[in-house]
Amino acid sequence: MGTIYLVIGGILLTGVLIVIAKFFFRLLKHVIIAAVLGGALMFFWYHATRPAPNPNIGKHAYHTKTGDYLGEVTGEANDPQRGPLWLIKQPDGMPTSYRKASVTLK
């Protein structure tokens, strides 16, 4: 008697799983398409709204008054006391900052 219930339960479970699988695979197709389209749209939106890098980064910096070579520009910053700054990597590899007014870029 117990095996009959097991067989009937197995048949019912198989039927329910087949119905769920048919519905799920139809839904899964739409989920995959939405994920691919969403990923592509996010990729293009990110690259379209990303700010352009500063063209001065990577240029060589020289002191305006003495003409001495200071190093390579790695970025820019703004200090409340000193004003706008260039972040410069010196030839020995040490980072430093100079006021933009005292630096010439080439």
C-alpha atoms as a PDB file:
ATOM      1  CA  MET A   1       0.000   0.000   0.000  1.00  0.00           C
ATOM      2  CA  GLY A   2       2.851   2.376   0.797  1.00  0.00           C
ATOM      3  CA  THR A   3       4.469   1.829  -2.587  1.00  0.00           C
ATOM      4  CA  ILE A   4       1.256   2.849  -4.364  1.00  0.00           C
ATOM      5  CA  TYR A   5       1.301   6.188  -2.557  1.00  0.00           C
ATOM      6  CA  LEU A   6       4.952   6.599  -3.469  1.00  0.00           C
ATOM      7  CA  VAL A   7       4.257   5.915  -7.156  1.00  0.00           C
ATOM      8  CA  ILE A   8       1.249   8.277  -7.209  1.00  0.00           C
ATOM      9  CA  GLY A   9       3.241  10.950  -5.379  1.00  0.00           C
ATOM     10  CA  GLY A  10       6.143  10.527  -7.801  1.00  0.00           C
ATOM     11  CA  ILE A  11       3.822  10.856 -10.815  1.00  0.00           C
ATOM     12  CA  LEU A  12       2.175  13.960  -9.352  1.00  0.00           C
ATOM     13  CA  LEU A  13       5.557  15.476  -8.474  1.00  0.00           C
ATOM     14  CA  THR A  14       6.842  14.790 -11.987  1.00  0.00           C
ATOM     15  CA  GLY A  15       3.753  16.447 -13.494  1.00  0.00           C
ATOM     16  CA  VAL A  16       4.097  19.494 -11.276  1.00  0.00           C
ATOM     17  CA  LEU A  17       7.801  19.777 -12.115  1.00  0.00           C
ATOM     18  CA  ILE A  18       7.077  19.537 -15.861  1.00  0.00           C
ATOM     19  CA  VAL A  19       4.479  22.331 -15.618  1.00  0.00           C
ATOM     20  CA  ILE A  20       6.818  24.508 -13.556  1.00  0.00           C
ATOM     21  CA  ALA A  21       9.708  23.825 -15.950  1.00  0.00           C
ATOM     22  CA  LYS A  22       7.659  24.835 -18.996  1.00  0.00           C
ATOM     23  CA  PHE A  23       6.560  28.066 -17.322  1.00  0.00           C
ATOM     24  CA  PHE A  24      10.020  28.716 -15.894  1.00  0.00           C
ATOM     25  CA  PHE A  25      11.890  28.240 -19.162  1.00  0.00           C
ATOM     26  CA  ARG A  26       9.569  30.681 -20.925  1.00  0.00           C
ATOM     27  CA  LEU A  27      10.116  33.165 -18.124  1.00  0.00           C
ATOM     28  CA  LEU A  28      13.852  32.421 -18.023  1.00  0.00           C
ATOM     29  CA  LYS A  29      14.186  33.405 -21.685  1.00  0.00           C
ATOM     30  CA  HIS A  30      12.762  36.844 -20.921  1.00  0.00           C
ATOM     31  CA  VAL A  31      14.919  37.249 -17.824  1.00  0.00           C
ATOM     32  CA  ILE A  32      18.074  36.448 -19.816  1.00  0.00           C
ATOM     33  CA  ILE A  33      17.143  38.895 -22.591  1.00  0.00           C
ATOM     34  CA  ALA A  34      16.381  41.633 -20.032  1.00  0.00           C
ATOM     35  CA  ALA A  35      19.686  41.009 -18.237  1.00  0.00           C
ATOM     36  CA  VAL A  36      21.710  41.206 -21.463  1.00  0.00           C
ATOM     37  CA  LEU A  37      19.934  44.382 -22.620  1.00  0.00           C
ATOM     38  CA  GLY A  38      20.230  45.945 -19.159  1.00  0.00           C
ATOM     39  CA  GLY A  39      23.938  45.144 -18.989  1.00  0.00           C
ATOM     40  CA  ALA A  40      24.558  46.652 -22.432  1.00  0.00           C
ATOM     41  CA  LEU A  41      22.598  49.800 -21.581  1.00  0.00           C
ATOM     42  CA  MET A  42      24.443  50.230 -18.273  1.00  0.00           C
ATOM     43  CA  PHE A  43      27.794  49.772 -20.057  1.00  0.00           C
ATOM     44  CA  PHE A  44      27.011  52.453 -22.658  1.00  0.00           C
ATOM     45  CA  TRP A  45      25.482  54.811 -20.071  1.00  0.00           C
ATOM     46  CA  TYR A  46      28.562  54.516 -17.841  1.00  0.00           C
ATOM     47  CA  HIS A  47      30.940  55.287 -20.685  1.00  0.00           C
ATOM     48  CA  ALA A  48      28.794  58.137 -22.022  1.00  0.00           C
ATOM     49  CA  THR A  49      28.492  59.923 -18.665  1.00  0.00           C
ATOM     50  CA  ARG A  50      32.068  59.350 -17.497  1.00  0.00           C
ATOM     51  CA  PRO A  51      34.001  62.638 -17.329  1.00  0.00           C
ATOM     52  CA  ALA A  52      36.869  63.018 -19.777  1.00  0.00           C
ATOM     53  CA  PRO A  53      40.317  62.625 -18.218  1.00  0.00           C
ATOM     54  CA  ASN A  54      42.449  65.729 -17.818  1.00  0.00           C
ATOM     55  CA  PRO A  55      44.724  66.030 -20.888  1.00  0.00           C
ATOM     56  CA  ASN A  56      47.476  67.547 -18.720  1.00  0.00           C
ATOM     57  CA  ILE A  57      47.996  64.347 -16.743  1.00  0.00           C
ATOM     58  CA  GLY A  58      51.188  62.699 -17.920  1.00  0.00           C
ATOM     59  CA  LYS A  59      52.840  65.924 -19.094  1.00  0.00           C
ATOM     60  CA  HIS A  60      56.235  67.048 -17.811  1.00  0.00           C
ATOM     61  CA  ALA A  61      56.250  69.864 -15.244  1.00  0.00           C
ATOM     62  CA  TYR A  62      58.852  72.626 -15.027  1.00  0.00           C
ATOM     63  CA  HIS A  63      59.193  75.395 -12.449  1.00  0.00           C
ATOM     64  CA  THR A  64      58.089  78.700 -13.976  1.00  0.00           C
ATOM     65  CA  LYS A  65      60.851  80.915 -12.528  1.00  0.00           C
ATOM     66  CA  THR A  66      63.884  78.613 -12.464  1.00  0.00           C
ATOM     67  CA  GLY A  67      62.992  76.268 -15.320  1.00  0.00           C
ATOM     68  CA  ASP A  68      63.978  73.216 -13.239  1.00  0.00           C
ATOM     69  CA  TYR A  69      62.371  69.897 -14.111  1.00  0.00           C
ATOM     70  CA  LEU A  70      59.892  68.917 -11.387  1.00  0.00           C
ATOM     71  CA  GLY A  71      58.556  65.594 -12.662  1.00  0.00           C
ATOM     72  CA  GLU A  72      55.461  64.140 -14.293  1.00  0.00           C
ATOM     73  CA  VAL A  73      51.923  65.360 -13.549  1.00  0.00           C
ATOM     74  CA  THR A  74      49.782  62.618 -11.977  1.00  0.00           C
ATOM     75  CA  GLY A  75      46.711  64.645 -11.036  1.00  0.00           C
ATOM     76  CA  GLU A  76      45.285  67.885  -9.753  1.00  0.00           C
ATOM     77  CA  ALA A  77      43.834  69.053  -6.454  1.00  0.00           C
ATOM     78  CA  ASN A  78      42.508  72.136  -4.736  1.00  0.00           C
ATOM     79  CA  ASP A  79      43.927  73.244  -1.386  1.00  0.00           C
ATOM     80  CA  PRO A  80      41.981  75.851   0.649  1.00  0.00           C
ATOM     81  CA  GLN A  81      45.194  77.673   1.611  1.00  0.00           C
ATOM     82  CA  ARG A  82      47.401  77.237  -1.465  1.00  0.00           C
ATOM     83  CA  GLY A  83      44.715  77.177  -4.165  1.00  0.00           C
ATOM     84  CA  PRO A  84      44.738  74.912  -7.237  1.00  0.00           C
ATOM     85  CA  LEU A  85      47.614  72.402  -7.255  1.00  0.00           C
ATOM     86  CA  TRP A  86      49.298  69.966  -9.607  1.00  0.00           C
ATOM     87  CA  LEU A  87      50.158  66.590  -8.079  1.00  0.00           C
ATOM     88  CA  ILE A  88      53.571  65.721  -9.468  1.00  0.00           C
ATOM     89  CA  LYS A  89      55.643  62.537  -9.288  1.00  0.00           C
ATOM     90  CA  GLN A  90      59.273  63.580  -8.955  1.00  0.00           C
ATOM     91  CA  PRO A  91      62.012  61.739 -10.893  1.00  0.00           C
ATOM     92  CA  ASP A  92      62.949  59.808  -7.727  1.00  0.00           C
ATOM     93  CA  GLY A  93      59.344  58.569  -7.464  1.00  0.00           C
ATOM     94  CA  MET A  94      58.233  60.726  -4.530  1.00  0.00           C
ATOM     95  CA  PRO A  95      54.861  62.473  -4.935  1.00  0.00           C
ATOM     96  CA  THR A  96      54.658  66.207  -4.293  1.00  0.00           C
ATOM     97  CA  SER A  97      52.329  69.109  -5.052  1.00  0.00           C
ATOM     98  CA  TYR A  98      52.986  72.537  -6.558  1.00  0.00           C
ATOM     99  CA  ARG A  99      50.728  75.507  -7.143  1.00  0.00           C
ATOM    100  CA  LYS A 100      49.486  75.651 -10.725  1.00  0.00           C
ATOM    101  CA  ALA A 101      50.701  79.239 -11.001  1.00  0.00           C
ATOM    102  CA  SER A 102      54.302  78.182 -10.409  1.00  0.00           C
ATOM    103  CA  VAL A 103      54.362  75.269 -12.875  1.00  0.00           C
ATOM    104  CA  THR A 104      54.739  75.177 -16.658  1.00  0.00           C
ATOM    105  CA  LEU A 105      53.604  72.019 -18.450  1.00  0.00           C
ATOM    106  CA  LYS A 106      55.184  70.714 -21.635  1.00  0.00           C
END
